[in-house]
Amino acid sequence: MSSINALFCHVDDFCQIFEPQWRKQLITQGLKTRQRSKSLCLSEIMTILVMFHQNNYRNFKHYYLEQVCRHFRCRIS
């Protein structure tokens, strides 16, 4: 479990630096875009994706249903 926390901390540190710089680089075409609030932050999504690639699951749906929803749901809420 501590490796998940350490992974999240590293990903979150990266996102704190990357996301503002990335938003500055986006090209807009004069249209207003909404910034809706998400249920998961970018760091949480990236951590789930990194963990998926570290495991031996064939597809993301199976990994998400078996690991994330079953084991991490109580910790996220």
PDB file of N, CA and C in Angstrom:
ATOM      1  N   MET A   1       0.810  -1.189   0.000  1.00  0.00           N
ATOM      2  CA  MET A   1       0.000   0.000   0.000  1.00  0.00           C
ATOM      3  C   MET A   1       0.858   1.260   0.000  1.00  0.00           C
ATOM      4  N   SER A   2       1.995   1.213   0.664  1.00  0.00           N
ATOM      5  CA  SER A   2       2.844   2.401   0.701  1.00  0.00           C
ATOM      6  C   SER A   2       3.407   2.718  -0.686  1.00  0.00           C
ATOM      7  N   SER A   3       3.572   1.697  -1.531  1.00  0.00           N
ATOM      8  CA  SER A   3       4.065   1.962  -2.880  1.00  0.00           C
ATOM      9  C   SER A   3       3.025   2.722  -3.698  1.00  0.00           C
ATOM     10  N   ILE A   4       1.743   2.467  -3.433  1.00  0.00           N
ATOM     11  CA  ILE A   4       0.680   3.220  -4.103  1.00  0.00           C
ATOM     12  C   ILE A   4       0.718   4.670  -3.660  1.00  0.00           C
ATOM     13  N   ASN A   5       0.913   4.881  -2.371  1.00  0.00           N
ATOM     14  CA  ASN A   5       1.004   6.252  -1.857  1.00  0.00           C
ATOM     15  C   ASN A   5       2.222   6.967  -2.410  1.00  0.00           C
ATOM     16  N   ALA A   6       3.339   6.279  -2.480  1.00  0.00           N
ATOM     17  CA  ALA A   6       4.555   6.884  -3.023  1.00  0.00           C
ATOM     18  C   ALA A   6       4.384   7.201  -4.503  1.00  0.00           C
ATOM     19  N   LEU A   7       3.778   6.279  -5.237  1.00  0.00           N
ATOM     20  CA  LEU A   7       3.521   6.515  -6.651  1.00  0.00           C
ATOM     21  C   LEU A   7       2.624   7.727  -6.835  1.00  0.00           C
ATOM     22  N   PHE A   8       1.551   7.809  -6.038  1.00  0.00           N
ATOM     23  CA  PHE A   8       0.646   8.951  -6.143  1.00  0.00           C
ATOM     24  C   PHE A   8       1.372  10.262  -5.843  1.00  0.00           C
ATOM     25  N   CYS A   9       2.230  10.266  -4.846  1.00  0.00           N
ATOM     26  CA  CYS A   9       2.971  11.485  -4.504  1.00  0.00           C
ATOM     27  C   CYS A   9       3.862  11.933  -5.659  1.00  0.00           C
ATOM     28  N   HIS A  10       4.541  10.998  -6.299  1.00  0.00           N
ATOM     29  CA  HIS A  10       5.394  11.340  -7.439  1.00  0.00           C
ATOM     30  C   HIS A  10       4.570  11.864  -8.612  1.00  0.00           C
ATOM     31  N   VAL A  11       3.465  11.203  -8.891  1.00  0.00           N
ATOM     32  CA  VAL A  11       2.600  11.635  -9.996  1.00  0.00           C
ATOM     33  C   VAL A  11       1.992  12.996  -9.686  1.00  0.00           C
ATOM     34  N   ASP A  12       1.578  13.208  -8.453  1.00  0.00           N
ATOM     35  CA  ASP A  12       0.982  14.483  -8.063  1.00  0.00           C
ATOM     36  C   ASP A  12       1.994  15.619  -8.162  1.00  0.00           C
ATOM     37  N   ASP A  13       3.228  15.371  -7.734  1.00  0.00           N
ATOM     38  CA  ASP A  13       4.280  16.389  -7.876  1.00  0.00           C
ATOM     39  C   ASP A  13       4.489  16.750  -9.346  1.00  0.00           C
ATOM     40  N   PHE A  14       4.496  15.747 -10.201  1.00  0.00           N
ATOM     41  CA  PHE A  14       4.643  15.988 -11.631  1.00  0.00           C
ATOM     42  C   PHE A  14       3.475  16.821 -12.165  1.00  0.00           C
ATOM     43  N   CYS A  15       2.256  16.454 -11.778  1.00  0.00           N
ATOM     44  CA  CYS A  15       1.064  17.157 -12.282  1.00  0.00           C
ATOM     45  C   CYS A  15       0.999  18.595 -11.798  1.00  0.00           C
ATOM     46  N   GLN A  16       1.471  18.859 -10.599  1.00  0.00           N
ATOM     47  CA  GLN A  16       1.469  20.222 -10.074  1.00  0.00           C
ATOM     48  C   GLN A  16       2.331  21.144 -10.930  1.00  0.00           C
ATOM     49  N   ILE A  17       3.395  20.618 -11.507  1.00  0.00           N
ATOM     50  CA  ILE A  17       4.282  21.407 -12.360  1.00  0.00           C
ATOM     51  C   ILE A  17       3.809  21.387 -13.810  1.00  0.00           C
ATOM     52  N   PHE A  18       3.387  20.225 -14.271  1.00  0.00           N
ATOM     53  CA  PHE A  18       3.051  20.048 -15.682  1.00  0.00           C
ATOM     54  C   PHE A  18       1.756  20.738 -16.097  1.00  0.00           C
ATOM     55  N   GLU A  19       0.704  20.582 -15.316  1.00  0.00           N
ATOM     56  CA  GLU A  19      -0.627  21.038 -15.744  1.00  0.00           C
ATOM     57  C   GLU A  19      -0.705  22.546 -16.002  1.00  0.00           C
ATOM     58  N   PRO A  20      -0.165  23.419 -15.133  1.00  0.00           N
ATOM     59  CA  PRO A  20      -0.229  24.858 -15.451  1.00  0.00           C
ATOM     60  C   PRO A  20       0.543  25.215 -16.724  1.00  0.00           C
ATOM     61  N   GLN A  21       1.696  24.580 -16.943  1.00  0.00           N
ATOM     62  CA  GLN A  21       2.472  24.848 -18.157  1.00  0.00           C
ATOM     63  C   GLN A  21       1.735  24.332 -19.388  1.00  0.00           C
ATOM     64  N   TRP A  22       1.081  23.204 -19.265  1.00  0.00           N
ATOM     65  CA  TRP A  22       0.328  22.633 -20.374  1.00  0.00           C
ATOM     66  C   TRP A  22      -0.849  23.520 -20.738  1.00  0.00           C
ATOM     67  N   ARG A  23      -1.554  24.052 -19.736  1.00  0.00           N
ATOM     68  CA  ARG A  23      -2.695  24.927 -19.997  1.00  0.00           C
ATOM     69  C   ARG A  23      -2.270  26.208 -20.711  1.00  0.00           C
ATOM     70  N   LYS A  24      -1.083  26.709 -20.417  1.00  0.00           N
ATOM     71  CA  LYS A  24      -0.571  27.909 -21.102  1.00  0.00           C
ATOM     72  C   LYS A  24      -0.284  27.633 -22.569  1.00  0.00           C
ATOM     73  N   GLN A  25       0.085  26.401 -22.893  1.00  0.00           N
ATOM     74  CA  GLN A  25       0.460  26.037 -24.250  1.00  0.00           C
ATOM     75  C   GLN A  25      -0.735  25.705 -25.154  1.00  0.00           C
ATOM     76  N   LEU A  26      -1.927  25.516 -24.568  1.00  0.00           N
ATOM     77  CA  LEU A  26      -3.089  25.144 -25.365  1.00  0.00           C
ATOM     78  C   LEU A  26      -3.463  26.258 -26.330  1.00  0.00           C
ATOM     79  N   ILE A  27      -3.825  25.887 -27.521  1.00  0.00           N
ATOM     80  CA  ILE A  27      -4.248  26.842 -28.531  1.00  0.00           C
ATOM     81  C   ILE A  27      -5.770  26.905 -28.498  1.00  0.00           C
ATOM     82  N   THR A  28      -6.293  28.095 -28.291  1.00  0.00           N
ATOM     83  CA  THR A  28      -7.742  28.252 -28.302  1.00  0.00           C
ATOM     84  C   THR A  28      -8.153  28.885 -29.619  1.00  0.00           C
ATOM     85  N   GLN A  29      -9.365  28.631 -30.002  1.00  0.00           N
ATOM     86  CA  GLN A  29      -9.853  29.170 -31.259  1.00  0.00           C
ATOM     87  C   GLN A  29     -10.919  30.233 -31.002  1.00  0.00           C
ATOM     88  N   GLY A  30     -10.795  30.953 -29.902  1.00  0.00           N
ATOM     89  CA  GLY A  30     -11.728  32.011 -29.579  1.00  0.00           C
ATOM     90  C   GLY A  30     -12.993  31.540 -28.900  1.00  0.00           C
ATOM     91  N   LEU A  31     -13.148  30.242 -28.757  1.00  0.00           N
ATOM     92  CA  LEU A  31     -14.326  29.693 -28.099  1.00  0.00           C
ATOM     93  C   LEU A  31     -14.062  29.539 -26.610  1.00  0.00           C
ATOM     94  N   LYS A  32     -15.077  29.807 -25.835  1.00  0.00           N
ATOM     95  CA  LYS A  32     -14.947  29.599 -24.399  1.00  0.00           C
ATOM     96  C   LYS A  32     -15.124  28.115 -24.109  1.00  0.00           C
ATOM     97  N   THR A  33     -14.249  27.581 -23.307  1.00  0.00           N
ATOM     98  CA  THR A  33     -14.364  26.177 -22.914  1.00  0.00           C
ATOM     99  C   THR A  33     -14.642  26.122 -21.426  1.00  0.00           C
ATOM    100  N   ARG A  34     -15.448  25.175 -21.049  1.00  0.00           N
ATOM    101  CA  ARG A  34     -15.781  25.008 -19.637  1.00  0.00           C
ATOM    102  C   ARG A  34     -14.696  24.199 -18.944  1.00  0.00           C
ATOM    103  N   GLN A  35     -14.479  24.526 -17.715  1.00  0.00           N
ATOM    104  CA  GLN A  35     -13.572  23.755 -16.870  1.00  0.00           C
ATOM    105  C   GLN A  35     -14.423  23.103 -15.786  1.00  0.00           C
ATOM    106  N   ARG A  36     -15.078  22.017 -16.135  1.00  0.00           N
ATOM    107  CA  ARG A  36     -15.955  21.325 -15.196  1.00  0.00           C
ATOM    108  C   ARG A  36     -15.138  20.629 -14.124  1.00  0.00           C
ATOM    109  N   SER A  37     -15.732  20.564 -12.950  1.00  0.00           N
ATOM    110  CA  SER A  37     -15.063  19.818 -11.885  1.00  0.00           C
ATOM    111  C   SER A  37     -15.203  18.328 -12.166  1.00  0.00           C
ATOM    112  N   LYS A  38     -14.170  17.592 -11.891  1.00  0.00           N
ATOM    113  CA  LYS A  38     -14.143  16.159 -12.157  1.00  0.00           C
ATOM    114  C   LYS A  38     -14.254  15.411 -10.836  1.00  0.00           C
ATOM    115  N   SER A  39     -14.663  14.169 -10.915  1.00  0.00           N
ATOM    116  CA  SER A  39     -14.737  13.375  -9.698  1.00  0.00           C
ATOM    117  C   SER A  39     -13.343  12.916  -9.257  1.00  0.00           C
ATOM    118  N   LEU A  40     -12.429  12.748 -10.205  1.00  0.00           N
ATOM    119  CA  LEU A  40     -11.041  12.399  -9.898  1.00  0.00           C
ATOM    120  C   LEU A  40     -10.129  13.474 -10.472  1.00  0.00           C
ATOM    121  N   CYS A  41      -9.087  13.791  -9.761  1.00  0.00           N
ATOM    122  CA  CYS A  41      -8.132  14.771 -10.275  1.00  0.00           C
ATOM    123  C   CYS A  41      -7.174  14.080 -11.251  1.00  0.00           C
ATOM    124  N   LEU A  42      -6.433  14.863 -11.987  1.00  0.00           N
ATOM    125  CA  LEU A  42      -5.505  14.328 -12.981  1.00  0.00           C
ATOM    126  C   LEU A  42      -4.489  13.380 -12.338  1.00  0.00           C
ATOM    127  N   SER A  43      -4.027  13.706 -11.157  1.00  0.00           N
ATOM    128  CA  SER A  43      -3.048  12.847 -10.464  1.00  0.00           C
ATOM    129  C   SER A  43      -3.622  11.472 -10.162  1.00  0.00           C
ATOM    130  N   GLU A  44      -4.878  11.422  -9.745  1.00  0.00           N
ATOM    131  CA  GLU A  44      -5.503  10.135  -9.441  1.00  0.00           C
ATOM    132  C   GLU A  44      -5.696   9.298 -10.704  1.00  0.00           C
ATOM    133  N   ILE A  45      -6.110   9.948 -11.788  1.00  0.00           N
ATOM    134  CA  ILE A  45      -6.302   9.240 -13.052  1.00  0.00           C
ATOM    135  C   ILE A  45      -4.979   8.682 -13.558  1.00  0.00           C
ATOM    136  N   MET A  46      -3.935   9.499 -13.513  1.00  0.00           N
ATOM    137  CA  MET A  46      -2.624   9.040 -13.994  1.00  0.00           C
ATOM    138  C   MET A  46      -2.073   7.921 -13.126  1.00  0.00           C
ATOM    139  N   THR A  47      -2.312   7.985 -11.816  1.00  0.00           N
ATOM    140  CA  THR A  47      -1.848   6.927 -10.919  1.00  0.00           C
ATOM    141  C   THR A  47      -2.535   5.607 -11.253  1.00  0.00           C
ATOM    142  N   ILE A  48      -3.835   5.643 -11.517  1.00  0.00           N
ATOM    143  CA  ILE A  48      -4.567   4.433 -11.904  1.00  0.00           C
ATOM    144  C   ILE A  48      -4.015   3.879 -13.206  1.00  0.00           C
ATOM    145  N   LEU A  49      -3.716   4.748 -14.165  1.00  0.00           N
ATOM    146  CA  LEU A  49      -3.176   4.283 -15.444  1.00  0.00           C
ATOM    147  C   LEU A  49      -1.784   3.666 -15.293  1.00  0.00           C
ATOM    148  N   VAL A  50      -0.941   4.274 -14.485  1.00  0.00           N
ATOM    149  CA  VAL A  50       0.402   3.717 -14.258  1.00  0.00           C
ATOM    150  C   VAL A  50       0.289   2.354 -13.585  1.00  0.00           C
ATOM    151  N   MET A  51      -0.603   2.240 -12.602  1.00  0.00           N
ATOM    152  CA  MET A  51      -0.783   0.960 -11.920  1.00  0.00           C
ATOM    153  C   MET A  51      -1.320  -0.104 -12.882  1.00  0.00           C
ATOM    154  N   PHE A  52      -2.195   0.287 -13.805  1.00  0.00           N
ATOM    155  CA  PHE A  52      -2.707  -0.648 -14.812  1.00  0.00           C
ATOM    156  C   PHE A  52      -1.569  -1.203 -15.652  1.00  0.00           C
ATOM    157  N   HIS A  53      -0.654  -0.339 -16.072  1.00  0.00           N
ATOM    158  CA  HIS A  53       0.454  -0.789 -16.915  1.00  0.00           C
ATOM    159  C   HIS A  53       1.472  -1.622 -16.143  1.00  0.00           C
ATOM    160  N   GLN A  54       1.511  -1.486 -14.828  1.00  0.00           N
ATOM    161  CA  GLN A  54       2.429  -2.283 -14.021  1.00  0.00           C
ATOM    162  C   GLN A  54       1.877  -3.678 -13.731  1.00  0.00           C
ATOM    163  N   ASN A  55       0.576  -3.871 -13.900  1.00  0.00           N
ATOM    164  CA  ASN A  55      -0.053  -5.169 -13.628  1.00  0.00           C
ATOM    165  C   ASN A  55      -0.223  -5.957 -14.919  1.00  0.00           C
ATOM    166  N   ASN A  56      -0.677  -7.189 -14.786  1.00  0.00           N
ATOM    167  CA  ASN A  56      -0.784  -8.089 -15.930  1.00  0.00           C
ATOM    168  C   ASN A  56      -2.214  -8.221 -16.457  1.00  0.00           C
ATOM    169  N   TYR A  57      -2.943  -7.138 -16.478  1.00  0.00           N
ATOM    170  CA  TYR A  57      -4.308  -7.185 -17.005  1.00  0.00           C
ATOM    171  C   TYR A  57      -4.280  -6.916 -18.499  1.00  0.00           C
ATOM    172  N   ARG A  58      -5.211  -7.566 -19.221  1.00  0.00           N
ATOM    173  CA  ARG A  58      -5.251  -7.396 -20.684  1.00  0.00           C
ATOM    174  C   ARG A  58      -5.990  -6.148 -21.106  1.00  0.00           C
ATOM    175  N   ASN A  59      -7.044  -5.788 -20.376  1.00  0.00           N
ATOM    176  CA  ASN A  59      -7.771  -4.576 -20.748  1.00  0.00           C
ATOM    177  C   ASN A  59      -8.070  -3.735 -19.518  1.00  0.00           C
ATOM    178  N   PHE A  60      -8.278  -2.475 -19.762  1.00  0.00           N
ATOM    179  CA  PHE A  60      -8.443  -1.527 -18.663  1.00  0.00           C
ATOM    180  C   PHE A  60      -9.761  -1.739 -17.925  1.00  0.00           C
ATOM    181  N   LYS A  61     -10.810  -2.090 -18.645  1.00  0.00           N
ATOM    182  CA  LYS A  61     -12.112  -2.286 -18.008  1.00  0.00           C
ATOM    183  C   LYS A  61     -12.035  -3.374 -16.947  1.00  0.00           C
ATOM    184  N   HIS A  62     -11.415  -4.473 -17.275  1.00  0.00           N
ATOM    185  CA  HIS A  62     -11.286  -5.575 -16.314  1.00  0.00           C
ATOM    186  C   HIS A  62     -10.454  -5.136 -15.104  1.00  0.00           C
ATOM    187  N   TYR A  63      -9.352  -4.447 -15.345  1.00  0.00           N
ATOM    188  CA  TYR A  63      -8.521  -3.948 -14.248  1.00  0.00           C
ATOM    189  C   TYR A  63      -9.309  -2.997 -13.361  1.00  0.00           C
ATOM    190  N   TYR A  64     -10.037  -2.071 -13.985  1.00  0.00           N
ATOM    191  CA  TYR A  64     -10.778  -1.069 -13.224  1.00  0.00           C
ATOM    192  C   TYR A  64     -11.845  -1.724 -12.353  1.00  0.00           C
ATOM    193  N   LEU A  65     -12.574  -2.669 -12.911  1.00  0.00           N
ATOM    194  CA  LEU A  65     -13.632  -3.330 -12.150  1.00  0.00           C
ATOM    195  C   LEU A  65     -13.078  -4.226 -11.049  1.00  0.00           C
ATOM    196  N   GLU A  66     -11.992  -4.937 -11.339  1.00  0.00           N
ATOM    197  CA  GLU A  66     -11.427  -5.873 -10.359  1.00  0.00           C
ATOM    198  C   GLU A  66     -10.584  -5.203  -9.280  1.00  0.00           C
ATOM    199  N   GLN A  67      -9.799  -4.218  -9.634  1.00  0.00           N
ATOM    200  CA  GLN A  67      -8.879  -3.613  -8.677  1.00  0.00           C
ATOM    201  C   GLN A  67      -9.385  -2.291  -8.109  1.00  0.00           C
ATOM    202  N   VAL A  68      -9.652  -1.359  -8.989  1.00  0.00           N
ATOM    203  CA  VAL A  68      -9.986  -0.008  -8.526  1.00  0.00           C
ATOM    204  C   VAL A  68     -11.335   0.008  -7.813  1.00  0.00           C
ATOM    205  N   CYS A  69     -12.354  -0.492  -8.462  1.00  0.00           N
ATOM    206  CA  CYS A  69     -13.693  -0.444  -7.857  1.00  0.00           C
ATOM    207  C   CYS A  69     -13.802  -1.328  -6.618  1.00  0.00           C
ATOM    208  N   ARG A  70     -13.173  -2.462  -6.641  1.00  0.00           N
ATOM    209  CA  ARG A  70     -13.311  -3.400  -5.533  1.00  0.00           C
ATOM    210  C   ARG A  70     -12.395  -3.060  -4.355  1.00  0.00           C
ATOM    211  N   HIS A  71     -11.150  -2.685  -4.612  1.00  0.00           N
ATOM    212  CA  HIS A  71     -10.186  -2.527  -3.524  1.00  0.00           C
ATOM    213  C   HIS A  71      -9.938  -1.081  -3.107  1.00  0.00           C
ATOM    214  N   PHE A  72     -10.049  -0.150  -4.026  1.00  0.00           N
ATOM    215  CA  PHE A  72      -9.679   1.221  -3.703  1.00  0.00           C
ATOM    216  C   PHE A  72     -10.874   2.134  -3.494  1.00  0.00           C
ATOM    217  N   ARG A  73     -12.069   1.686  -3.781  1.00  0.00           N
ATOM    218  CA  ARG A  73     -13.250   2.538  -3.664  1.00  0.00           C
ATOM    219  C   ARG A  73     -13.431   3.026  -2.223  1.00  0.00           C
ATOM    220  N   CYS A  74     -13.268   2.160  -1.258  1.00  0.00           N
ATOM    221  CA  CYS A  74     -13.486   2.560   0.139  1.00  0.00           C
ATOM    222  C   CYS A  74     -12.405   3.537   0.596  1.00  0.00           C
ATOM    223  N   ARG A  75     -11.220   3.455   0.031  1.00  0.00           N
ATOM    224  CA  ARG A  75     -10.140   4.369   0.417  1.00  0.00           C
ATOM    225  C   ARG A  75     -10.289   5.734  -0.236  1.00  0.00           C
ATOM    226  N   ILE A  76     -10.887   5.785  -1.444  1.00  0.00           N
ATOM    227  CA  ILE A  76     -11.049   7.047  -2.164  1.00  0.00           C
ATOM    228  C   ILE A  76     -12.151   7.875  -1.521  1.00  0.00           C
ATOM    229  N   SER A  77     -13.251   7.244  -1.144  1.00  0.00           N
ATOM    230  CA  SER A  77     -14.407   7.966  -0.606  1.00  0.00           C
ATOM    231  C   SER A  77     -14.159   8.468   0.787  1.00  0.00           C
TER     232      SER A  77
END
